Amino acid sequence: MNPTLIAYHTEAVLAFDFADAAPVARASQPAGEDTETFVRRTLRIAGKSGAQWLILFGIGSGEVPLALEAALPDCLQLVVCEADAAAARTFLAANPGWKDGSGKGCVLADSSPWTQLYLLALSGATPQNSTTALCPDLDGEERAHCQAVQRLFISARPHQAINSSYLSHVAVQAPDVSVGVILSPDEPQLDTFFGQFPDWVKEVVVVWDAECVPNREFACAAPMRHLARPLDDFAAQRNCMLDHCTGDWVLYLDGDECFSDDVWSLFTAIMLIKRLEACYFPRMTLFPDEDHCKVGFGLWPDLQLRLFRNREGVRFNRPVHERLTNITGRVALALDAPILHLSRLRKTPEELAAKLERFREVGGQPHRLNADYPHLPRSLFPEAAFISGSLQMLLLEENPA
């Protein structure tokens, strides 16, 4: 049990925004049972299951978390998941012993259900070793939100995707994968971008935002195919890319994104998961330097559905911030295989402004670039190493999108 990451994340998020907001007091809502009965019943269930974690969804008035902590046995770690930053801030201001994760209770505060799911998983909490409970003194809207996060946590099954090279007694063929990319000829460090792809990739299909293919050579271990198409909207550009991908699987990345060498060395293990249709990856935006990454308010894990079976009917929609549609069935969520997003490190302020202006031209809505974000040391987040021999995943039997 290691709630340290949860405590660091909550501190960074709550310190960043609304720091001067007045404390918010929540009145107790009518509950189906009194606090003492709820605590006794919840701890009895946790004891019978042999749980190591007790996950409470919702702070409510604060009465229930404090009562649970007071009665908690030493073998249990209590985590209270809360989407409302003001409620979490008020609770922690009144109970400073909960702030650093060293006690029996800690608060996981973030508005994103996916952030809550990832932080729980990375800290070692799973449906198998945890008892979950819904705070009884929540109103209707809060209760519905907390129930949704609780269901998400319960439905995600931990899985190890084992590198096939470790299975020396099994002959495993590399999956048939096309990498798809849409690019501007002005994208910086393209040699580095193309240099990341291993030789087992079937092809790299590049659609250039241009009238003709740039007259340049790139060092890439995989075969490359180049097309030129002036960008009108991003979904159309992605669909053009997809139409020219011939692999059984498609992986797509942007020019300012990469995987580490260790992740690439383990990557094929993902596509060996039985009945898998697609995989989401956390996107780690490095900021303000390569040793830190953005967090909070959906900035992490910033889930990206980037790997999928190349089936008929799978298409992109929306002119800006395009999304994949018609992917159904089992999906994986990679925990320790982040897409490294290097836009803030590679591009000048002028280049970033031009990129956002392009979004405005295509989508018709202004995009702003904030001067600051909450961020944490990258070292706090697990990243796969080849020596480990596997990638850590969560499996969902149905695509949540």
Protein backbone atom coordinates (compact mmCIF):
# COMPACT_ATOMS: atom_id res chain seq x y z
CA MET A 1 0.00 0.00 0.00
CA ASN A 2 1.55 3.27 -1.11
CA PRO A 3 -0.67 6.38 -1.11
CA THR A 4 2.28 8.77 -1.61
CA LEU A 5 1.46 9.52 -5.27
CA ILE A 6 -2.15 10.24 -4.32
CA ALA A 7 -1.08 12.71 -1.63
CA TYR A 8 1.42 14.51 -3.93
CA HIS A 9 -1.12 14.74 -6.74
CA THR A 10 -3.88 16.11 -4.50
CA GLU A 11 -1.54 18.70 -3.01
CA ALA A 12 -0.43 19.91 -6.46
CA VAL A 13 -3.98 20.15 -7.81
CA LEU A 14 -5.50 21.89 -4.80
CA ALA A 15 -2.64 24.38 -4.54
CA PHE A 16 -2.96 25.43 -8.17
CA ASP A 17 -6.51 26.63 -8.69
CA PHE A 18 -9.04 28.44 -6.51
CA ALA A 19 -6.45 28.66 -3.76
CA ASP A 20 -8.08 31.82 -2.38
CA ALA A 21 -11.62 30.47 -2.50
CA ALA A 22 -13.61 30.70 0.69
CA PRO A 23 -14.10 27.39 2.53
CA VAL A 24 -17.25 25.54 1.54
CA ALA A 25 -19.32 23.92 4.24
CA ARG A 26 -21.47 20.96 3.26
CA ALA A 27 -24.53 20.13 5.24
CA SER A 28 -25.22 16.48 5.94
CA GLN A 29 -27.72 14.96 3.53
CA PRO A 30 -30.37 12.50 4.67
CA ALA A 31 -28.81 9.03 4.65
CA GLY A 32 -30.28 5.56 4.53
CA GLU A 33 -28.44 4.64 7.72
CA ASP A 34 -26.67 6.61 10.43
CA THR A 35 -22.91 7.07 10.36
CA GLU A 36 -22.19 4.60 13.13
CA THR A 37 -24.16 1.84 11.38
CA PHE A 38 -22.52 2.63 8.02
CA VAL A 39 -19.02 2.49 9.52
CA ARG A 40 -19.69 -0.77 11.34
CA ARG A 41 -21.16 -2.43 8.23
CA THR A 42 -18.41 -1.20 5.88
CA LEU A 43 -15.57 -2.34 8.14
CA ARG A 44 -17.25 -5.72 8.64
CA ILE A 45 -17.35 -6.21 4.84
CA ALA A 46 -13.70 -5.12 4.52
CA GLY A 47 -12.66 -7.51 7.28
CA LYS A 48 -14.42 -10.49 5.73
CA SER A 49 -12.86 -9.82 2.32
CA GLY A 50 -9.33 -9.41 3.67
CA ALA A 51 -9.06 -6.03 1.94
CA GLN A 52 -5.97 -3.84 2.21
CA TRP A 53 -7.66 -0.71 0.86
CA LEU A 54 -10.95 0.93 1.73
CA ILE A 55 -12.03 3.29 -1.05
CA LEU A 56 -14.74 5.77 -0.10
CA PHE A 57 -16.26 7.65 -3.01
CA GLY A 58 -17.26 11.15 -1.91
CA ILE A 59 -16.36 13.27 1.11
CA GLY A 60 -19.92 14.41 1.78
CA SER A 61 -20.11 16.56 4.88
CA GLY A 62 -16.81 15.07 6.11
CA GLU A 63 -18.43 13.22 8.99
CA VAL A 64 -18.23 9.76 7.42
CA PRO A 65 -14.52 9.85 6.42
CA LEU A 66 -13.55 10.95 9.93
CA ALA A 67 -15.66 8.25 11.54
CA LEU A 68 -14.14 5.59 9.27
CA GLU A 69 -10.61 6.75 10.01
CA ALA A 70 -11.24 6.67 13.77
CA ALA A 71 -12.46 3.05 13.60
CA LEU A 72 -10.02 1.83 10.92
CA PRO A 73 -7.84 -1.19 11.78
CA ASP A 74 -4.10 -0.96 11.11
CA CYS A 75 -4.35 -3.35 8.16
CA LEU A 76 -6.51 -0.95 6.12
CA GLN A 77 -5.61 2.19 4.15
CA LEU A 78 -8.50 4.60 3.61
CA VAL A 79 -8.67 6.68 0.41
CA VAL A 80 -11.48 9.19 -0.07
CA CYS A 81 -12.08 10.05 -3.76
CA GLU A 82 -13.53 13.52 -4.33
CA ALA A 83 -14.21 15.38 -7.61
CA ASP A 84 -14.98 18.78 -6.02
CA ALA A 85 -11.73 20.66 -5.34
CA ALA A 86 -13.43 23.10 -2.97
CA ALA A 87 -14.87 20.29 -0.85
CA ALA A 88 -11.50 18.52 -0.71
CA ARG A 89 -9.70 21.75 0.18
CA THR A 90 -12.14 22.52 2.98
CA PHE A 91 -11.86 19.02 4.42
CA LEU A 92 -8.05 19.02 4.36
CA ALA A 93 -7.85 22.49 5.89
CA ALA A 94 -9.85 21.19 8.85
CA ASN A 95 -7.94 17.88 8.98
CA PRO A 96 -4.27 18.57 8.10
CA GLY A 97 -3.20 15.09 9.23
CA TRP A 98 -4.74 13.72 6.04
CA LYS A 99 -2.55 15.78 3.71
CA ASP A 100 0.70 13.83 3.36
CA GLY A 101 -0.60 10.25 3.06
CA SER A 102 1.33 9.07 6.11
CA GLY A 103 -1.74 8.38 8.23
CA LYS A 104 -4.63 5.95 7.89
CA GLY A 105 -6.58 8.24 5.59
CA CYS A 106 -5.81 10.34 2.52
CA VAL A 107 -7.82 12.30 -0.06
CA LEU A 108 -7.66 11.77 -3.82
CA ALA A 109 -8.95 15.00 -5.33
CA ASP A 110 -9.46 15.40 -9.07
CA SER A 111 -12.44 16.15 -11.29
CA SER A 112 -11.48 13.42 -13.79
CA PRO A 113 -12.75 9.86 -13.12
CA TRP A 114 -9.83 8.53 -15.20
CA THR A 115 -7.33 10.34 -13.00
CA GLN A 116 -8.90 8.79 -9.94
CA LEU A 117 -8.82 5.33 -11.55
CA TYR A 118 -5.17 5.67 -12.59
CA LEU A 119 -3.97 7.01 -9.24
CA LEU A 120 -5.67 4.17 -7.40
CA ALA A 121 -4.19 1.57 -9.75
CA LEU A 122 -0.67 3.04 -9.66
CA SER A 123 -0.81 3.13 -5.86
CA GLY A 124 -1.63 -0.58 -5.72
CA ALA A 125 -5.39 -0.51 -5.12
CA THR A 126 -7.33 -3.05 -7.20
CA PRO A 127 -10.87 -4.46 -7.06
CA GLN A 128 -9.34 -7.66 -5.70
CA ASN A 129 -7.61 -6.08 -2.68
CA SER A 130 -10.07 -3.27 -1.96
CA THR A 131 -13.48 -2.72 -0.44
CA THR A 132 -15.41 0.17 -1.97
CA ALA A 133 -18.20 2.21 -0.44
CA LEU A 134 -20.33 5.17 -1.46
CA CYS A 135 -20.46 8.00 1.07
CA PRO A 136 -24.05 7.94 2.35
CA ASP A 137 -24.51 11.71 2.80
CA LEU A 138 -24.30 12.78 -0.86
CA ASP A 139 -26.93 14.63 -2.84
CA GLY A 140 -28.34 13.28 -6.11
CA GLU A 141 -25.82 14.72 -8.58
CA GLU A 142 -22.79 14.02 -6.40
CA ARG A 143 -24.07 10.54 -5.69
CA ALA A 144 -24.51 9.72 -9.38
CA HIS A 145 -20.99 10.94 -10.20
CA CYS A 146 -19.43 8.93 -7.36
CA GLN A 147 -21.38 5.82 -8.34
CA ALA A 148 -20.00 6.12 -11.88
CA VAL A 149 -16.40 6.30 -10.62
CA GLN A 150 -17.03 3.40 -8.25
CA ARG A 151 -18.38 1.24 -11.11
CA LEU A 152 -15.40 2.17 -13.26
CA PHE A 153 -12.95 1.11 -10.55
CA ILE A 154 -14.73 -2.19 -9.92
CA SER A 155 -14.96 -3.09 -13.62
CA ALA A 156 -11.27 -2.53 -14.50
CA ARG A 157 -9.29 -5.77 -14.23
CA PRO A 158 -5.50 -5.60 -13.72
CA HIS A 159 -3.45 -7.44 -16.34
CA GLN A 160 0.23 -7.98 -17.17
CA ALA A 161 1.04 -7.85 -20.89
CA ILE A 162 4.13 -10.07 -21.03
CA ASN A 163 6.87 -9.45 -23.58
CA SER A 164 6.85 -12.37 -26.03
CA SER A 165 10.66 -12.58 -26.06
CA TYR A 166 10.44 -13.85 -22.49
CA LEU A 167 8.31 -16.77 -23.70
CA SER A 168 11.21 -18.61 -25.30
CA HIS A 169 9.19 -21.83 -25.66
CA VAL A 170 6.54 -20.09 -27.77
CA ALA A 171 7.03 -18.93 -31.36
CA VAL A 172 5.34 -15.53 -31.54
CA GLN A 173 5.09 -13.54 -34.76
CA ALA A 174 5.26 -9.77 -34.53
CA PRO A 175 1.79 -8.23 -34.93
CA ASP A 176 0.92 -6.67 -38.28
CA VAL A 177 0.95 -2.94 -37.40
CA SER A 178 0.68 0.21 -39.46
CA VAL A 179 1.75 3.48 -37.86
CA GLY A 180 -0.28 6.45 -39.12
CA VAL A 181 0.82 10.06 -38.88
CA ILE A 182 -0.48 13.43 -40.09
CA LEU A 183 2.22 16.08 -40.18
CA SER A 184 3.08 19.60 -41.11
CA PRO A 185 6.38 19.93 -43.01
CA ASP A 186 7.35 22.55 -40.41
CA GLU A 187 7.10 20.13 -37.46
CA PRO A 188 10.41 20.33 -35.52
CA GLN A 189 12.73 17.36 -34.91
CA LEU A 190 11.12 15.04 -37.46
CA ASP A 191 14.28 12.92 -37.72
CA THR A 192 13.99 12.13 -34.02
CA PHE A 193 10.28 11.39 -34.40
CA PHE A 194 10.72 8.89 -37.26
CA GLY A 195 13.79 7.40 -35.61
CA GLN A 196 11.72 5.98 -32.75
CA PHE A 197 9.90 3.36 -34.84
CA PRO A 198 11.29 -0.22 -34.63
CA ASP A 199 11.85 -2.43 -37.65
CA TRP A 200 8.96 -4.78 -36.81
CA VAL A 201 6.46 -2.05 -37.77
CA LYS A 202 4.91 -2.99 -41.14
CA GLU A 203 4.77 0.58 -42.46
CA VAL A 204 4.69 4.23 -41.43
CA VAL A 205 1.97 6.06 -43.40
CA VAL A 206 2.50 9.83 -43.42
CA VAL A 207 -0.10 12.33 -44.67
CA TRP A 208 1.53 15.73 -45.11
CA ASP A 209 -0.40 18.99 -44.80
CA ALA A 210 0.92 20.15 -48.15
CA GLU A 211 0.25 20.24 -51.88
CA CYS A 212 3.10 17.81 -52.49
CA VAL A 213 5.29 15.49 -50.45
CA PRO A 214 8.35 17.25 -48.99
CA ASN A 215 11.57 16.44 -50.81
CA ARG A 216 13.34 15.04 -47.76
CA GLU A 217 14.77 11.75 -46.57
CA PHE A 218 14.17 10.47 -43.05
CA ALA A 219 16.04 7.77 -41.14
CA CYS A 220 13.39 5.24 -40.17
CA ALA A 221 13.83 1.52 -39.52
CA ALA A 222 10.35 0.78 -40.88
CA PRO A 223 9.19 1.24 -44.49
CA MET A 224 7.56 4.66 -45.11
CA ARG A 225 4.72 5.73 -47.40
CA HIS A 226 4.15 9.45 -48.06
CA LEU A 227 0.97 11.23 -49.19
CA ALA A 228 0.18 14.92 -49.55
CA ARG A 229 -3.20 16.44 -48.68
CA PRO A 230 -3.81 20.06 -47.60
CA LEU A 231 -5.50 20.02 -44.20
CA ASP A 232 -9.17 21.01 -44.22
CA ASP A 233 -10.27 19.31 -41.00
CA PHE A 234 -8.43 16.93 -38.75
CA ALA A 235 -10.91 14.04 -38.93
CA ALA A 236 -10.76 14.04 -42.72
CA GLN A 237 -6.96 14.09 -42.57
CA ARG A 238 -6.92 11.17 -40.12
CA ASN A 239 -9.41 9.21 -42.25
CA CYS A 240 -7.19 9.69 -45.29
CA MET A 241 -4.33 8.31 -43.20
CA LEU A 242 -6.48 5.38 -42.07
CA ASP A 243 -7.57 4.57 -45.63
CA HIS A 244 -3.94 3.95 -46.58
CA CYS A 245 -2.99 1.81 -43.55
CA THR A 246 -2.89 -1.88 -44.54
CA GLY A 247 -1.94 -3.47 -41.21
CA ASP A 248 -4.25 -5.56 -39.03
CA TRP A 249 -3.60 -2.98 -36.30
CA VAL A 250 -3.19 0.80 -36.53
CA LEU A 251 -1.21 2.97 -34.14
CA TYR A 252 -1.23 6.71 -34.64
CA LEU A 253 0.97 9.39 -33.11
CA ASP A 254 1.53 13.10 -33.63
CA GLY A 255 4.87 14.61 -34.56
CA ASP A 256 5.49 15.88 -31.02
CA GLU A 257 4.78 12.51 -29.39
CA CYS A 258 6.89 9.43 -28.76
CA PHE A 259 7.21 6.29 -26.68
CA SER A 260 10.37 5.52 -24.73
CA ASP A 261 12.72 2.84 -26.04
CA ASP A 262 11.66 0.57 -23.17
CA VAL A 263 7.99 0.88 -24.05
CA TRP A 264 8.71 0.11 -27.72
CA SER A 265 10.64 -3.00 -26.66
CA LEU A 266 7.55 -4.30 -24.84
CA PHE A 267 4.90 -2.91 -27.16
CA THR A 268 3.98 -6.07 -29.06
CA ALA A 269 2.79 -7.67 -25.83
CA ILE A 270 -0.29 -5.44 -25.90
CA MET A 271 -1.58 -6.91 -29.16
CA LEU A 272 -1.28 -10.46 -27.80
CA ILE A 273 -4.00 -9.83 -25.20
CA LYS A 274 -6.93 -12.11 -26.00
CA ARG A 275 -9.99 -10.50 -27.61
CA LEU A 276 -8.43 -7.04 -27.41
CA GLU A 277 -9.90 -4.44 -29.77
CA ALA A 278 -8.04 -1.28 -28.78
CA CYS A 279 -5.73 0.31 -26.24
CA TYR A 280 -5.76 3.67 -24.47
CA PHE A 281 -2.48 5.26 -23.39
CA PRO A 282 -1.88 7.98 -20.81
CA ARG A 283 -0.34 11.06 -22.41
CA MET A 284 2.35 12.63 -20.24
CA THR A 285 2.85 16.26 -21.25
CA LEU A 286 6.34 17.19 -20.12
CA PHE A 287 6.34 20.67 -18.56
CA PRO A 288 8.13 22.90 -17.64
CA ASP A 289 11.07 20.54 -18.37
CA GLU A 290 11.62 16.88 -19.25
CA ASP A 291 11.68 15.89 -15.55
CA HIS A 292 8.14 17.13 -14.78
CA CYS A 293 4.68 16.60 -16.23
CA LYS A 294 1.33 18.36 -16.08
CA VAL A 295 -1.33 16.99 -13.74
CA GLY A 296 -4.85 17.84 -12.63
CA PHE A 297 -8.03 18.92 -14.40
CA GLY A 298 -7.73 16.20 -17.04
CA LEU A 299 -4.13 17.13 -17.98
CA TRP A 300 -3.11 13.63 -16.84
CA PRO A 301 -3.68 10.81 -17.64
CA ASP A 302 -5.20 12.59 -20.68
CA LEU A 303 -6.22 9.19 -22.08
CA GLN A 304 -5.60 8.68 -25.79
CA LEU A 305 -7.13 5.85 -27.83
CA ARG A 306 -4.23 5.32 -30.23
CA LEU A 307 -3.96 1.58 -30.97
CA PHE A 308 -6.85 -0.33 -32.52
CA ARG A 309 -7.74 -3.16 -34.84
CA ASN A 310 -8.07 -1.96 -38.42
CA ARG A 311 -11.71 -2.91 -38.86
CA GLU A 312 -14.18 -1.68 -41.44
CA GLY A 313 -16.33 1.12 -40.05
CA VAL A 314 -13.75 2.54 -37.64
CA ARG A 315 -13.55 6.24 -38.49
CA PHE A 316 -12.56 9.60 -37.05
CA ASN A 317 -15.08 12.38 -36.54
CA ARG A 318 -15.05 16.07 -35.43
CA PRO A 319 -12.97 18.66 -37.31
CA VAL A 320 -10.79 19.49 -34.27
CA HIS A 321 -9.83 17.22 -31.35
CA GLU A 322 -10.95 14.32 -33.51
CA ARG A 323 -12.20 11.07 -32.00
CA LEU A 324 -12.31 7.47 -33.12
CA THR A 325 -15.76 5.94 -33.45
CA ASN A 326 -17.23 2.44 -33.83
CA ILE A 327 -14.73 0.64 -31.60
CA THR A 328 -16.57 -1.85 -29.43
CA GLY A 329 -15.52 -4.72 -27.19
CA ARG A 330 -12.58 -5.26 -24.89
CA VAL A 331 -10.11 -2.39 -24.47
CA ALA A 332 -6.92 -2.02 -22.45
CA LEU A 333 -5.71 0.96 -20.47
CA ALA A 334 -1.91 1.10 -20.35
CA LEU A 335 -0.69 2.18 -16.91
CA ASP A 336 3.09 2.46 -17.34
CA ALA A 337 3.43 3.04 -21.10
CA PRO A 338 2.85 6.79 -21.45
CA ILE A 339 2.90 8.72 -24.69
CA LEU A 340 5.51 11.39 -24.05
CA HIS A 341 4.08 14.70 -25.29
CA LEU A 342 6.94 17.06 -26.11
CA SER A 343 5.11 20.01 -27.63
CA ARG A 344 5.97 22.46 -24.84
CA LEU A 345 9.66 21.47 -24.96
CA ARG A 346 10.19 21.35 -28.71
CA LYS A 347 8.14 24.28 -29.96
CA THR A 348 8.81 27.97 -29.48
CA PRO A 349 6.01 30.19 -28.12
CA GLU A 350 5.49 31.46 -31.67
CA GLU A 351 5.16 27.91 -33.03
CA LEU A 352 2.71 26.99 -30.29
CA ALA A 353 0.64 30.10 -31.02
CA ALA A 354 0.59 29.20 -34.73
CA LYS A 355 -0.59 25.67 -33.88
CA LEU A 356 -3.48 26.99 -31.80
CA GLU A 357 -4.38 29.43 -34.56
CA ARG A 358 -4.58 26.47 -36.95
CA PHE A 359 -7.01 24.80 -34.55
CA ARG A 360 -9.11 27.97 -34.57
CA GLU A 361 -9.14 28.13 -38.36
CA VAL A 362 -10.28 24.52 -38.70
CA GLY A 363 -12.67 24.29 -35.75
CA GLY A 364 -13.92 27.87 -35.49
CA GLN A 365 -13.24 28.09 -31.74
CA PRO A 366 -10.39 29.97 -30.03
CA HIS A 367 -7.74 27.97 -28.17
CA ARG A 368 -5.65 29.44 -25.39
CA LEU A 369 -2.33 28.38 -23.95
CA ASN A 370 -2.03 28.93 -20.20
CA ALA A 371 1.22 30.22 -18.82
CA ASP A 372 1.31 27.74 -15.96
CA TYR A 373 -0.08 24.35 -14.91
CA PRO A 374 0.08 22.16 -11.84
CA HIS A 375 2.89 19.68 -12.35
CA LEU A 376 4.73 16.90 -10.53
CA PRO A 377 8.10 15.18 -10.91
CA ARG A 378 7.93 12.62 -13.69
CA SER A 379 9.77 10.16 -11.42
CA LEU A 380 6.62 9.76 -9.29
CA PHE A 381 4.85 8.00 -12.18
CA PRO A 382 5.86 4.41 -13.04
CA GLU A 383 7.28 3.98 -16.54
CA ALA A 384 7.92 0.55 -18.04
CA ALA A 385 11.45 -0.87 -18.20
CA PHE A 386 12.45 -3.63 -20.60
CA ILE A 387 14.03 -5.61 -17.77
CA SER A 388 10.60 -5.96 -16.12
CA GLY A 389 9.39 -8.01 -19.10
CA SER A 390 5.82 -6.73 -19.09
CA LEU A 391 3.51 -3.75 -19.31
CA GLN A 392 0.94 -3.06 -16.61
CA MET A 393 -2.61 -2.77 -17.94
CA LEU A 394 -6.22 -2.46 -16.89
CA LEU A 395 -8.81 -4.31 -18.97
CA LEU A 396 -12.38 -3.16 -19.58
CA GLU A 397 -14.76 -5.55 -21.33
CA GLU A 398 -16.47 -2.70 -23.19
CA ASN A 399 -15.06 0.48 -24.66
CA PRO A 400 -16.21 3.32 -22.36
CA ALA A 401 -16.16 5.94 -25.15
